[in-house]
Amino acid sequence: MSETVKLSRVDSALERLTYPVARDEAADAYADTTLTFADGQANLGELVSETHSETYRSSEELSEELYNVLPVEALGEPGQSDGDA
């Protein structure tokens, strides 16, 4: 079943995994998840597979590395919101 998650809510989605978790396992878990951001979207599983650590001890670790591989479009213009209040 596919799912769509806003970038502003991705941390909640990452908390659903059981940690520690291998990068490949996390990527597989999100293979059917679309991450939407300021100016576009990407497959969350593919983004996770591009992170650098082999294993994550917490959702915070995974989130930190995920933000390092986001495309430039994910951040939009300074001060721009993705519509969440």
Protein backbone atom coordinates (compact mmCIF):
# COMPACT_ATOMS: atom_id res chain seq x y z
CA MET A 1 0.00 0.00 0.00
CA SER A 2 1.48 3.33 -1.02
CA GLU A 3 1.65 6.29 1.32
CA THR A 4 2.41 10.00 0.94
CA VAL A 5 4.24 11.86 3.70
CA LYS A 6 5.02 15.58 3.85
CA LEU A 7 8.61 16.49 4.63
CA SER A 8 7.41 18.29 7.75
CA ARG A 9 5.98 14.96 8.99
CA VAL A 10 8.78 12.60 7.94
CA ASP A 11 10.15 12.26 11.49
CA SER A 12 6.85 10.72 12.62
CA ALA A 13 7.01 8.24 9.75
CA LEU A 14 10.60 7.27 10.62
CA GLU A 15 9.58 6.59 14.23
CA ARG A 16 7.47 3.64 13.05
CA LEU A 17 10.55 1.49 12.47
CA THR A 18 12.11 -0.68 15.17
CA TYR A 19 15.66 0.45 15.92
CA PRO A 20 18.42 -0.38 15.42
CA VAL A 21 17.65 -0.87 11.73
CA ALA A 22 19.83 -1.52 8.71
CA ARG A 23 19.77 1.06 5.92
CA ASP A 24 18.56 -1.53 3.39
CA GLU A 25 15.75 -2.66 5.69
CA ALA A 26 14.64 0.95 6.24
CA ALA A 27 14.78 1.65 2.50
CA ASP A 28 12.61 -1.42 1.84
CA ALA A 29 10.12 -0.31 4.50
CA TYR A 30 9.59 3.00 2.68
CA ALA A 31 9.80 1.71 -0.92
CA ASP A 32 6.12 2.59 -1.49
CA THR A 33 6.25 5.96 0.30
CA THR A 34 6.28 9.28 -1.54
CA LEU A 35 7.89 12.18 0.28
CA THR A 36 6.45 15.55 -0.74
CA PHE A 37 8.28 18.80 -0.17
CA ALA A 38 8.25 22.50 -1.08
CA ASP A 39 8.77 22.00 -4.80
CA GLY A 40 8.26 18.38 -5.72
CA GLN A 41 8.43 14.87 -4.41
CA ALA A 42 10.72 11.85 -4.17
CA ASN A 43 10.54 8.21 -3.17
CA LEU A 44 11.42 7.97 0.53
CA GLY A 45 12.87 4.47 0.18
CA GLU A 46 15.24 5.64 -2.56
CA LEU A 47 16.34 8.61 -0.45
CA VAL A 48 17.00 6.35 2.54
CA SER A 49 19.07 4.04 0.32
CA GLU A 50 21.28 7.04 -0.57
CA THR A 51 22.19 7.73 3.07
CA HIS A 52 25.66 6.76 4.26
CA SER A 53 25.39 4.73 7.47
CA GLU A 54 24.85 0.98 7.27
CA THR A 55 22.77 0.92 10.49
CA TYR A 56 20.73 3.48 12.42
CA ARG A 57 20.32 3.33 16.20
CA SER A 58 17.41 5.79 16.26
CA SER A 59 14.93 7.65 14.08
CA GLU A 60 16.89 10.82 14.85
CA GLU A 61 20.04 9.36 13.29
CA LEU A 62 18.14 8.30 10.19
CA SER A 63 16.38 11.66 9.93
CA GLU A 64 19.68 13.55 10.19
CA GLU A 65 21.22 11.57 7.34
CA LEU A 66 18.03 11.77 5.29
CA TYR A 67 18.14 15.57 5.36
CA ASN A 68 21.70 15.40 3.98
CA VAL A 69 20.53 13.59 0.83
CA LEU A 70 17.38 15.60 0.09
CA PRO A 71 17.34 17.31 -3.29
CA VAL A 72 17.65 21.11 -3.40
CA GLU A 73 13.96 21.36 -4.35
CA ALA A 74 13.02 19.95 -0.95
CA LEU A 75 13.91 23.16 0.82
CA GLY A 76 12.28 25.67 -1.53
CA GLU A 77 12.83 29.39 -1.16
CA PRO A 78 13.92 30.85 2.17
CA GLY A 79 10.86 31.51 4.30
CA GLN A 80 8.63 29.34 2.11
CA SER A 81 6.31 26.95 3.87
CA ASP A 82 4.95 23.62 2.64
CA GLY A 83 1.51 24.69 3.84
CA ASP A 84 1.59 23.29 7.37
CA ALA A 85 0.58 25.60 10.15
